[in-house]
C-alpha atoms as a PDB file:
ATOM      1  CA  UNK A   1      81.390 -11.338 -37.410  1.00  0.00           C
ATOM      2  CA  UNK A   2      80.244  -9.324 -40.475  1.00  0.00           C
ATOM      3  CA  UNK A   3      77.625  -7.998 -41.808  1.00  0.00           C
ATOM      4  CA  UNK A   4      77.205 -10.153 -44.987  1.00  0.00           C
ATOM      5  CA  UNK A   5      77.358 -13.412 -45.894  1.00  0.00           C
ATOM      6  CA  UNK A   6      78.123 -13.568 -49.397  1.00  0.00           C
ATOM      7  CA  UNK A   7      77.253 -17.747 -50.648  1.00  0.00           C
ATOM      8  CA  UNK A   8      78.631 -18.437 -54.288  1.00  0.00           C
ATOM      9  CA  UNK A   9      77.703 -22.142 -55.344  1.00  0.00           C
ATOM     10  CA  UNK A  10      79.947 -23.384 -57.974  1.00  0.00           C
ATOM     11  CA  UNK A  11      80.391 -26.294 -60.364  1.00  0.00           C
ATOM     12  CA  UNK A  12      83.742 -26.432 -63.086  1.00  0.00           C
ATOM     13  CA  UNK A  13      83.275 -22.695 -63.744  1.00  0.00           C
ATOM     14  CA  UNK A  14      86.624 -21.616 -62.301  1.00  0.00           C
ATOM     15  CA  UNK A  15      87.360 -18.895 -65.658  1.00  0.00           C
ATOM     16  CA  UNK A  16      84.407 -17.247 -64.610  1.00  0.00           C
ATOM     17  CA  UNK A  17      85.518 -17.571 -60.781  1.00  0.00           C
ATOM     18  CA  UNK A  18      87.807 -13.715 -60.795  1.00  0.00           C
ATOM     19  CA  UNK A  19      85.490 -11.543 -62.420  1.00  0.00           C
ATOM     20  CA  UNK A  20      82.280 -12.651 -59.965  1.00  0.00           C
ATOM     21  CA  UNK A  21      84.894 -12.388 -57.204  1.00  0.00           C
ATOM     22  CA  UNK A  22      85.984  -9.197 -57.739  1.00  0.00           C
ATOM     23  CA  UNK A  23      82.851  -7.967 -57.772  1.00  0.00           C
ATOM     24  CA  UNK A  24      82.266  -8.244 -54.302  1.00  0.00           C
ATOM     25  CA  UNK A  25      86.030  -7.099 -53.647  1.00  0.00           C
ATOM     26  CA  UNK A  26      85.040  -3.878 -55.470  1.00  0.00           C
ATOM     27  CA  UNK A  27      81.968  -3.270 -53.418  1.00  0.00           C
ATOM     28  CA  UNK A  28      81.516   0.092 -51.440  1.00  0.00           C
ATOM     29  CA  UNK A  29      80.597  -1.615 -48.313  1.00  0.00           C
ATOM     30  CA  UNK A  30      83.179  -4.016 -47.257  1.00  0.00           C
ATOM     31  CA  UNK A  31      81.888  -5.507 -44.149  1.00  0.00           C
ATOM     32  CA  UNK A  32      81.841  -9.189 -45.878  1.00  0.00           C
ATOM     33  CA  UNK A  33      83.141 -12.648 -45.846  1.00  0.00           C
ATOM     34  CA  UNK A  34      82.227 -14.716 -49.206  1.00  0.00           C
ATOM     35  CA  UNK A  35      82.035 -18.122 -49.138  1.00  0.00           C
ATOM     36  CA  UNK A  36      82.462 -20.112 -52.666  1.00  0.00           C
ATOM     37  CA  UNK A  37      81.047 -23.587 -51.614  1.00  0.00           C
ATOM     38  CA  UNK A  38      82.383 -26.173 -54.337  1.00  0.00           C
ATOM     39  CA  UNK A  39      80.376 -28.836 -55.533  1.00  0.00           C
ATOM     40  CA  UNK A  40      82.633 -31.336 -56.632  1.00  0.00           C
ATOM     41  CA  UNK A  41      84.383 -29.480 -59.494  1.00  0.00           C
ATOM     42  CA  UNK A  42      87.385 -31.076 -61.410  1.00  0.00           C
ATOM     43  CA  UNK A  43      88.868 -28.239 -63.113  1.00  0.00           C
ATOM     44  CA  UNK A  44      90.873 -25.743 -61.102  1.00  0.00           C
ATOM     45  CA  UNK A  45      88.248 -23.989 -58.927  1.00  0.00           C
ATOM     46  CA  UNK A  46      90.230 -24.658 -55.887  1.00  0.00           C
ATOM     47  CA  UNK A  47      93.326 -23.349 -57.064  1.00  0.00           C
ATOM     48  CA  UNK A  48      91.524 -19.890 -58.237  1.00  0.00           C
ATOM     49  CA  UNK A  49      89.765 -19.795 -54.865  1.00  0.00           C
ATOM     50  CA  UNK A  50      93.126 -20.639 -52.682  1.00  0.00           C
ATOM     51  CA  UNK A  51      95.491 -18.080 -54.830  1.00  0.00           C
ATOM     52  CA  UNK A  52      92.314 -15.392 -54.184  1.00  0.00           C
ATOM     53  CA  UNK A  53      92.019 -16.304 -49.935  1.00  0.00           C
ATOM     54  CA  UNK A  54      95.627 -15.677 -50.098  1.00  0.00           C
ATOM     55  CA  UNK A  55      94.844 -11.838 -51.393  1.00  0.00           C
ATOM     56  CA  UNK A  56      92.190 -11.385 -48.984  1.00  0.00           C
ATOM     57  CA  UNK A  57      91.077 -13.593 -46.247  1.00  0.00           C
ATOM     58  CA  UNK A  58      87.350 -12.594 -46.309  1.00  0.00           C
ATOM     59  CA  UNK A  59      87.028 -15.401 -48.887  1.00  0.00           C
ATOM     60  CA  UNK A  60      86.300 -18.449 -47.506  1.00  0.00           C
ATOM     61  CA  UNK A  61      86.084 -22.114 -49.509  1.00  0.00           C
ATOM     62  CA  UNK A  62      84.146 -24.856 -48.916  1.00  0.00           C
ATOM     63  CA  UNK A  63      84.372 -28.414 -50.772  1.00  0.00           C
ATOM     64  CA  UNK A  64      81.270 -31.061 -50.904  1.00  0.00           C
ATOM     65  CA  UNK A  65      80.808 -34.037 -53.253  1.00  0.00           C
ATOM     66  CA  UNK A  66      78.490 -33.078 -56.124  1.00  0.00           C
ATOM     67  CA  UNK A  67      75.226 -32.710 -54.798  1.00  0.00           C
ATOM     68  CA  UNK A  68      73.552 -29.425 -57.052  1.00  0.00           C
ATOM     69  CA  UNK A  69      72.999 -25.622 -56.281  1.00  0.00           C
ATOM     70  CA  UNK A  70      70.532 -25.699 -53.794  1.00  0.00           C
ATOM     71  CA  UNK A  71      72.609 -28.286 -51.180  1.00  0.00           C
ATOM     72  CA  UNK A  72      75.736 -26.287 -51.671  1.00  0.00           C
ATOM     73  CA  UNK A  73      73.783 -23.221 -50.877  1.00  0.00           C
ATOM     74  CA  UNK A  74      72.508 -24.639 -47.597  1.00  0.00           C
ATOM     75  CA  UNK A  75      76.572 -25.253 -47.390  1.00  0.00           C
ATOM     76  CA  UNK A  76      77.161 -22.080 -47.245  1.00  0.00           C
ATOM     77  CA  UNK A  77      74.111 -20.820 -44.811  1.00  0.00           C
ATOM     78  CA  UNK A  78      75.466 -23.633 -42.480  1.00  0.00           C
ATOM     79  CA  UNK A  79      79.155 -21.885 -42.695  1.00  0.00           C
ATOM     80  CA  UNK A  80      78.142 -18.334 -42.475  1.00  0.00           C
ATOM     81  CA  UNK A  81      78.838 -15.839 -39.967  1.00  0.00           C
ATOM     82  CA  UNK A  82      76.751 -12.229 -41.228  1.00  0.00           C
ATOM     83  CA  UNK A  83      73.623 -11.379 -40.351  1.00  0.00           C
ATOM     84  CA  UNK A  84      72.032 -10.960 -43.100  1.00  0.00           C
ATOM     85  CA  UNK A  85      73.214 -13.855 -46.278  1.00  0.00           C
ATOM     86  CA  UNK A  86      73.451 -12.583 -49.962  1.00  0.00           C
ATOM     87  CA  UNK A  87      73.829 -15.123 -52.804  1.00  0.00           C
ATOM     88  CA  UNK A  88      75.526 -14.743 -55.850  1.00  0.00           C
ATOM     89  CA  UNK A  89      75.662 -17.330 -58.977  1.00  0.00           C
ATOM     90  CA  UNK A  90      79.506 -18.140 -60.456  1.00  0.00           C
ATOM     91  CA  UNK A  91      78.666 -16.515 -63.522  1.00  0.00           C
ATOM     92  CA  UNK A  92      77.068 -13.191 -62.238  1.00  0.00           C
ATOM     93  CA  UNK A  93      78.179  -9.803 -60.933  1.00  0.00           C
ATOM     94  CA  UNK A  94      77.509  -7.668 -57.830  1.00  0.00           C
ATOM     95  CA  UNK A  95      77.445  -3.780 -59.400  1.00  0.00           C
ATOM     96  CA  UNK A  96      79.463  -1.269 -57.086  1.00  0.00           C
ATOM     97  CA  UNK A  97      76.619  -0.264 -54.798  1.00  0.00           C
ATOM     98  CA  UNK A  98      74.726  -3.701 -54.286  1.00  0.00           C
ATOM     99  CA  UNK A  99      76.060  -4.411 -50.635  1.00  0.00           C
ATOM    100  CA  UNK A 100      75.709  -0.083 -49.560  1.00  0.00           C
ATOM    101  CA  UNK A 101      72.481  -0.192 -51.262  1.00  0.00           C
ATOM    102  CA  UNK A 102      71.115  -3.051 -48.782  1.00  0.00           C
ATOM    103  CA  UNK A 103      72.845  -2.089 -45.917  1.00  0.00           C
ATOM    104  CA  UNK A 104      71.096   1.662 -46.349  1.00  0.00           C
ATOM    105  CA  UNK A 105      67.548  -0.339 -46.510  1.00  0.00           C
ATOM    106  CA  UNK A 106      68.087  -2.489 -43.804  1.00  0.00           C
ATOM    107  CA  UNK A 107      69.547  -0.163 -41.203  1.00  0.00           C
ATOM    108  CA  UNK A 108      66.434   2.472 -42.642  1.00  0.00           C
ATOM    109  CA  UNK A 109      64.008  -0.293 -41.636  1.00  0.00           C
ATOM    110  CA  UNK A 110      65.769  -0.791 -38.227  1.00  0.00           C
ATOM    111  CA  UNK A 111      67.416  -4.256 -39.051  1.00  0.00           C
ATOM    112  CA  UNK A 112      64.189  -6.183 -39.924  1.00  0.00           C
ATOM    113  CA  UNK A 113      64.080  -9.765 -39.781  1.00  0.00           C
ATOM    114  CA  UNK A 114      62.977  -9.776 -43.532  1.00  0.00           C
ATOM    115  CA  UNK A 115      63.953 -10.548 -46.925  1.00  0.00           C
ATOM    116  CA  UNK A 116      65.179  -8.181 -49.344  1.00  0.00           C
ATOM    117  CA  UNK A 117      65.448  -7.674 -53.243  1.00  0.00           C
ATOM    118  CA  UNK A 118      67.041  -5.437 -55.942  1.00  0.00           C
ATOM    119  CA  UNK A 119      66.907  -4.210 -60.021  1.00  0.00           C
ATOM    120  CA  UNK A 120      69.061  -6.220 -61.871  1.00  0.00           C
ATOM    121  CA  UNK A 121      70.226  -5.814 -65.646  1.00  0.00           C
ATOM    122  CA  UNK A 122      70.905  -8.422 -67.866  1.00  0.00           C
ATOM    123  CA  UNK A 123      74.794  -8.908 -69.186  1.00  0.00           C
ATOM    124  CA  UNK A 124      75.311 -10.262 -72.890  1.00  0.00           C
ATOM    125  CA  UNK A 125      78.857 -10.780 -74.196  1.00  0.00           C
ATOM    126  CA  UNK A 126      80.077  -7.383 -72.499  1.00  0.00           C
ATOM    127  CA  UNK A 127      77.188  -5.380 -72.647  1.00  0.00           C
ATOM    128  CA  UNK A 128      74.731  -3.842 -70.229  1.00  0.00           C
ATOM    129  CA  UNK A 129      70.418  -4.162 -70.455  1.00  0.00           C
ATOM    130  CA  UNK A 130      68.585  -2.631 -68.116  1.00  0.00           C
ATOM    131  CA  UNK A 131      65.051  -4.747 -66.996  1.00  0.00           C
ATOM    132  CA  UNK A 132      61.643  -3.410 -66.421  1.00  0.00           C
ATOM    133  CA  UNK A 133      61.065  -4.553 -63.635  1.00  0.00           C
ATOM    134  CA  UNK A 134      56.908  -4.154 -61.748  1.00  0.00           C
ATOM    135  CA  UNK A 135      57.085  -3.016 -58.242  1.00  0.00           C
ATOM    136  CA  UNK A 136      56.185  -5.928 -56.058  1.00  0.00           C
ATOM    137  CA  UNK A 137      52.836  -5.223 -54.984  1.00  0.00           C
ATOM    138  CA  UNK A 138      50.819  -6.301 -52.151  1.00  0.00           C
ATOM    139  CA  UNK A 139      49.863 -10.064 -53.180  1.00  0.00           C
ATOM    140  CA  UNK A 140      53.507 -10.886 -52.332  1.00  0.00           C
ATOM    141  CA  UNK A 141      52.750 -14.795 -53.818  1.00  0.00           C
ATOM    142  CA  UNK A 142      51.175 -14.028 -57.050  1.00  0.00           C
ATOM    143  CA  UNK A 143      53.704 -11.286 -57.105  1.00  0.00           C
ATOM    144  CA  UNK A 144      56.888 -13.866 -56.983  1.00  0.00           C
ATOM    145  CA  UNK A 145      55.275 -16.503 -59.280  1.00  0.00           C
ATOM    146  CA  UNK A 146      54.783 -13.700 -61.900  1.00  0.00           C
ATOM    147  CA  UNK A 147      58.340 -11.944 -61.771  1.00  0.00           C
ATOM    148  CA  UNK A 148      60.934 -14.611 -60.824  1.00  0.00           C
ATOM    149  CA  UNK A 149      63.798 -13.348 -59.117  1.00  0.00           C
ATOM    150  CA  UNK A 150      66.993 -14.796 -59.408  1.00  0.00           C
ATOM    151  CA  UNK A 151      69.486 -15.439 -55.945  1.00  0.00           C
ATOM    152  CA  UNK A 152      71.508 -12.860 -56.710  1.00  0.00           C
ATOM    153  CA  UNK A 153      69.110 -10.029 -56.241  1.00  0.00           C
ATOM    154  CA  UNK A 154      67.997 -11.678 -52.653  1.00  0.00           C
ATOM    155  CA  UNK A 155      69.111 -10.670 -49.030  1.00  0.00           C
ATOM    156  CA  UNK A 156      68.272 -13.031 -46.079  1.00  0.00           C
ATOM    157  CA  UNK A 157      68.331 -12.041 -42.821  1.00  0.00           C
ATOM    158  CA  UNK A 158      70.422 -15.395 -41.129  1.00  0.00           C
ATOM    159  CA  UNK A 159      67.470 -16.325 -38.858  1.00  0.00           C
ATOM    160  CA  UNK A 160      65.094 -16.876 -41.572  1.00  0.00           C
ATOM    161  CA  UNK A 161      67.525 -19.470 -43.283  1.00  0.00           C
ATOM    162  CA  UNK A 162      68.095 -21.049 -39.763  1.00  0.00           C
ATOM    163  CA  UNK A 163      64.849 -22.803 -40.193  1.00  0.00           C
ATOM    164  CA  UNK A 164      63.795 -22.094 -43.820  1.00  0.00           C
ATOM    165  CA  UNK A 165      66.119 -24.266 -46.746  1.00  0.00           C
ATOM    166  CA  UNK A 166      66.389 -24.246 -50.025  1.00  0.00           C
ATOM    167  CA  UNK A 167      65.008 -28.129 -51.022  1.00  0.00           C
ATOM    168  CA  UNK A 168      68.106 -29.979 -52.215  1.00  0.00           C
ATOM    169  CA  UNK A 169      65.820 -32.502 -54.547  1.00  0.00           C
ATOM    170  CA  UNK A 170      64.289 -29.687 -56.320  1.00  0.00           C
ATOM    171  CA  UNK A 171      66.189 -27.866 -59.575  1.00  0.00           C
ATOM    172  CA  UNK A 172      65.742 -24.640 -61.006  1.00  0.00           C
ATOM    173  CA  UNK A 173      62.507 -23.472 -59.487  1.00  0.00           C
ATOM    174  CA  UNK A 174      64.384 -24.069 -55.793  1.00  0.00           C
ATOM    175  CA  UNK A 175      64.760 -19.969 -56.016  1.00  0.00           C
ATOM    176  CA  UNK A 176      60.865 -19.542 -55.753  1.00  0.00           C
ATOM    177  CA  UNK A 177      59.719 -22.107 -53.892  1.00  0.00           C
ATOM    178  CA  UNK A 178      62.048 -20.800 -50.626  1.00  0.00           C
ATOM    179  CA  UNK A 179      61.135 -17.137 -51.539  1.00  0.00           C
ATOM    180  CA  UNK A 180      57.106 -18.560 -51.571  1.00  0.00           C
ATOM    181  CA  UNK A 181      57.703 -20.131 -47.985  1.00  0.00           C
ATOM    182  CA  UNK A 182      59.672 -16.886 -46.540  1.00  0.00           C
ATOM    183  CA  UNK A 183      56.861 -15.076 -47.309  1.00  0.00           C
ATOM    184  CA  UNK A 184      53.887 -16.851 -46.178  1.00  0.00           C
ATOM    185  CA  UNK A 185      55.857 -15.247 -42.209  1.00  0.00           C
ATOM    186  CA  UNK A 186      58.046 -12.650 -43.014  1.00  0.00           C
ATOM    187  CA  UNK A 187      58.292  -9.252 -44.726  1.00  0.00           C
ATOM    188  CA  UNK A 188      59.398  -9.097 -47.957  1.00  0.00           C
ATOM    189  CA  UNK A 189      61.099  -5.818 -49.199  1.00  0.00           C
ATOM    190  CA  UNK A 190      61.803  -4.551 -52.706  1.00  0.00           C
ATOM    191  CA  UNK A 191      64.883  -2.231 -53.652  1.00  0.00           C
ATOM    192  CA  UNK A 192      64.030  -0.209 -56.957  1.00  0.00           C
ATOM    193  CA  UNK A 193      68.038   0.037 -57.695  1.00  0.00           C
ATOM    194  CA  UNK A 194      69.827  -1.750 -60.666  1.00  0.00           C
ATOM    195  CA  UNK A 195      72.484  -3.884 -58.405  1.00  0.00           C
ATOM    196  CA  UNK A 196      73.454  -6.830 -60.161  1.00  0.00           C
ATOM    197  CA  UNK A 197      74.486  -8.345 -62.989  1.00  0.00           C
ATOM    198  CA  UNK A 198      72.504 -11.171 -64.856  1.00  0.00           C
ATOM    199  CA  UNK A 199      74.902 -13.104 -67.122  1.00  0.00           C
ATOM    200  CA  UNK A 200      73.106 -14.768 -70.125  1.00  0.00           C
ATOM    201  CA  UNK A 201      75.233 -17.236 -72.117  1.00  0.00           C
ATOM    202  CA  UNK A 202      74.348 -20.167 -73.531  1.00  0.00           C
ATOM    203  CA  UNK A 203      75.303 -22.476 -70.448  1.00  0.00           C
ATOM    204  CA  UNK A 204      72.687 -20.788 -68.201  1.00  0.00           C
ATOM    205  CA  UNK A 205      70.384 -23.599 -66.509  1.00  0.00           C
ATOM    206  CA  UNK A 206      66.959 -22.045 -67.753  1.00  0.00           C
ATOM    207  CA  UNK A 207      68.432 -22.093 -71.295  1.00  0.00           C
ATOM    208  CA  UNK A 208      65.724 -23.998 -73.624  1.00  0.00           C
ATOM    209  CA  UNK A 209      67.905 -26.517 -75.037  1.00  0.00           C
ATOM    210  CA  UNK A 210      68.937 -28.045 -71.038  1.00  0.00           C
ATOM    211  CA  UNK A 211      65.227 -29.124 -70.740  1.00  0.00           C
ATOM    212  CA  UNK A 212      64.603 -26.674 -67.782  1.00  0.00           C
ATOM    213  CA  UNK A 213      61.045 -26.234 -67.938  1.00  0.00           C
ATOM    214  CA  UNK A 214      61.258 -30.328 -67.209  1.00  0.00           C
ATOM    215  CA  UNK A 215      62.899 -29.716 -63.924  1.00  0.00           C
ATOM    216  CA  UNK A 216      60.763 -26.762 -63.018  1.00  0.00           C
ATOM    217  CA  UNK A 217      57.772 -29.332 -64.045  1.00  0.00           C
ATOM    218  CA  UNK A 218      59.281 -32.047 -61.351  1.00  0.00           C
ATOM    219  CA  UNK A 219      60.223 -29.336 -58.753  1.00  0.00           C
ATOM    220  CA  UNK A 220      56.721 -27.687 -58.396  1.00  0.00           C
ATOM    221  CA  UNK A 221      54.905 -31.535 -58.083  1.00  0.00           C
ATOM    222  CA  UNK A 222      57.509 -32.459 -55.428  1.00  0.00           C
ATOM    223  CA  UNK A 223      56.793 -29.069 -53.228  1.00  0.00           C
ATOM    224  CA  UNK A 224      52.808 -29.192 -53.742  1.00  0.00           C
ATOM    225  CA  UNK A 225      53.193 -32.811 -52.625  1.00  0.00           C
ATOM    226  CA  UNK A 226      55.503 -31.352 -49.315  1.00  0.00           C
ATOM    227  CA  UNK A 227      53.838 -28.877 -48.617  1.00  0.00           C
ATOM    228  CA  UNK A 228      50.085 -28.668 -49.029  1.00  0.00           C
ATOM    229  CA  UNK A 229      49.416 -26.496 -46.316  1.00  0.00           C
ATOM    230  CA  UNK A 230      51.461 -24.068 -48.378  1.00  0.00           C
ATOM    231  CA  UNK A 231      49.693 -25.195 -51.738  1.00  0.00           C
ATOM    232  CA  UNK A 232      46.239 -24.632 -50.248  1.00  0.00           C
ATOM    233  CA  UNK A 233      46.908 -20.910 -49.335  1.00  0.00           C
ATOM    234  CA  UNK A 234      47.808 -20.072 -52.944  1.00  0.00           C
ATOM    235  CA  UNK A 235      45.270 -19.472 -55.175  1.00  0.00           C
ATOM    236  CA  UNK A 236      43.989 -21.839 -57.462  1.00  0.00           C
ATOM    237  CA  UNK A 237      44.693 -19.471 -60.374  1.00  0.00           C
ATOM    238  CA  UNK A 238      48.558 -19.152 -59.388  1.00  0.00           C
ATOM    239  CA  UNK A 239      48.921 -22.746 -59.540  1.00  0.00           C
ATOM    240  CA  UNK A 240      47.493 -22.988 -62.856  1.00  0.00           C
ATOM    241  CA  UNK A 241      49.021 -20.385 -64.282  1.00  0.00           C
ATOM    242  CA  UNK A 242      52.597 -21.566 -63.406  1.00  0.00           C
ATOM    243  CA  UNK A 243      51.705 -25.113 -64.328  1.00  0.00           C
ATOM    244  CA  UNK A 244      50.426 -23.564 -67.764  1.00  0.00           C
ATOM    245  CA  UNK A 245      53.423 -21.789 -68.611  1.00  0.00           C
ATOM    246  CA  UNK A 246      55.706 -24.787 -67.412  1.00  0.00           C
ATOM    247  CA  UNK A 247      54.298 -27.041 -69.848  1.00  0.00           C
ATOM    248  CA  UNK A 248      54.323 -24.105 -72.191  1.00  0.00           C
ATOM    249  CA  UNK A 249      57.486 -24.073 -71.970  1.00  0.00           C
ATOM    250  CA  UNK A 250      58.366 -27.916 -72.434  1.00  0.00           C
ATOM    251  CA  UNK A 251      56.578 -27.642 -75.452  1.00  0.00           C
ATOM    252  CA  UNK A 252      58.878 -25.029 -77.065  1.00  0.00           C
ATOM    253  CA  UNK A 253      61.543 -28.060 -75.797  1.00  0.00           C
ATOM    254  CA  UNK A 254      60.272 -30.700 -77.749  1.00  0.00           C
ATOM    255  CA  UNK A 255      59.886 -28.370 -80.855  1.00  0.00           C
ATOM    256  CA  UNK A 256      63.509 -27.320 -80.895  1.00  0.00           C
ATOM    257  CA  UNK A 257      64.526 -31.217 -80.457  1.00  0.00           C
ATOM    258  CA  UNK A 258      61.355 -32.149 -83.439  1.00  0.00           C
ATOM    259  CA  UNK A 259      59.420 -34.289 -81.115  1.00  0.00           C
ATOM    260  CA  UNK A 260      55.899 -32.740 -82.174  1.00  0.00           C
ATOM    261  CA  UNK A 261      54.075 -35.515 -80.637  1.00  0.00           C
ATOM    262  CA  UNK A 262      55.453 -34.724 -77.380  1.00  0.00           C
ATOM    263  CA  UNK A 263      55.198 -31.320 -77.917  1.00  0.00           C
ATOM    264  CA  UNK A 264      51.411 -31.524 -78.839  1.00  0.00           C
ATOM    265  CA  UNK A 265      50.891 -33.065 -75.922  1.00  0.00           C
ATOM    266  CA  UNK A 266      52.408 -30.365 -73.521  1.00  0.00           C
ATOM    267  CA  UNK A 267      50.497 -27.882 -75.520  1.00  0.00           C
ATOM    268  CA  UNK A 268      47.317 -29.760 -74.835  1.00  0.00           C
ATOM    269  CA  UNK A 269      48.202 -29.361 -71.177  1.00  0.00           C
ATOM    270  CA  UNK A 270      48.938 -25.930 -71.312  1.00  0.00           C
ATOM    271  CA  UNK A 271      45.552 -25.227 -72.890  1.00  0.00           C
ATOM    272  CA  UNK A 272      43.940 -27.222 -69.972  1.00  0.00           C
ATOM    273  CA  UNK A 273      45.230 -25.029 -67.478  1.00  0.00           C
ATOM    274  CA  UNK A 274      45.013 -21.722 -68.509  1.00  0.00           C
ATOM    275  CA  UNK A 275      41.757 -21.813 -70.150  1.00  0.00           C
ATOM    276  CA  UNK A 276      41.259 -18.148 -69.545  1.00  0.00           C
ATOM    277  CA  UNK A 277      44.554 -16.946 -70.977  1.00  0.00           C
ATOM    278  CA  UNK A 278      44.695 -14.020 -73.589  1.00  0.00           C
ATOM    279  CA  UNK A 279      46.866 -15.748 -75.842  1.00  0.00           C
ATOM    280  CA  UNK A 280      44.311 -18.919 -76.291  1.00  0.00           C
ATOM    281  CA  UNK A 281      44.045 -18.564 -79.831  1.00  0.00           C
ATOM    282  CA  UNK A 282      47.577 -18.271 -80.011  1.00  0.00           C
ATOM    283  CA  UNK A 283      47.908 -21.625 -78.659  1.00  0.00           C
ATOM    284  CA  UNK A 284      44.967 -23.406 -80.353  1.00  0.00           C
ATOM    285  CA  UNK A 285      46.314 -22.306 -83.725  1.00  0.00           C
ATOM    286  CA  UNK A 286      49.751 -23.734 -82.834  1.00  0.00           C
ATOM    287  CA  UNK A 287      48.007 -27.036 -82.195  1.00  0.00           C
ATOM    288  CA  UNK A 288      46.532 -27.410 -85.362  1.00  0.00           C
ATOM    289  CA  UNK A 289      49.819 -26.720 -87.057  1.00  0.00           C
ATOM    290  CA  UNK A 290      51.369 -29.675 -84.830  1.00  0.00           C
ATOM    291  CA  UNK A 291      48.036 -31.556 -85.737  1.00  0.00           C
ATOM    292  CA  UNK A 292      48.864 -31.019 -89.450  1.00  0.00           C
ATOM    293  CA  UNK A 293      52.577 -31.454 -89.099  1.00  0.00           C
ATOM    294  CA  UNK A 294      53.977 -28.202 -91.028  1.00  0.00           C
ATOM    295  CA  UNK A 295      57.492 -27.373 -91.060  1.00  0.00           C
ATOM    296  CA  UNK A 296      59.427 -26.801 -87.813  1.00  0.00           C
ATOM    297  CA  UNK A 297      60.519 -23.180 -88.563  1.00  0.00           C
ATOM    298  CA  UNK A 298      57.054 -21.996 -88.849  1.00  0.00           C
ATOM    299  CA  UNK A 299      56.948 -22.714 -84.976  1.00  0.00           C
ATOM    300  CA  UNK A 300      60.608 -21.166 -84.103  1.00  0.00           C
END
């Protein structure tokens, strides 16, 4: 049984998989398995992975009909044998010490049933940019909502993921909501070492052109309706800030699409949710500009 299982959900990114999986093979810690879950790709994903499997039997391939990445990650979890489970999107990479760094901390903590996360750098056009990341606080829930943690940074004891899963009908915010569920019961440890490269490119799911804020808003509403007990434990201010920022994101999307009435609607909702926001004056000025239909370049 490997110590780590690394799950890669992928869809039509065959050209990126070589570098992503190479970043796993280059790890200084070698007791791992990698499960590539092909979410119904129509490109050469299967051929690429099969070639890699011939060279390294620690790599495994699982195919499923297209069901989105939450279903793919859950499928990977079902097939995982490792004591701890890590995630890696097919366009991101591990730095060489990622697994070693996790193993050292997990061993130091006596292999707890817990969630761990590391720091990361942004990769843009093959240049790496360190990120300023706040240390985790005692108010873990507030921290999670205000400091998004991409799945590649996370490592979770497998027993937790036997009961807590990614919600398969929620998109964009599915990772945050899983971390919040886990934080209700289990400890979370922050490892302050840069071990991940987050690949920033035009096809990222959170890119403004992909209307990611709408998926985020829909997911938040589903989560609140489905988990009223968890919702009730989280202070209203956190929810107001989350919904306010999400509506502000939708405002920016509709400005990008030059749909000013819809932009104005979501700007007002953002103001209503965040009545004490430090940028409230700025939001009111934006609203006035929208009312008087100023040129679109002024908002960008």
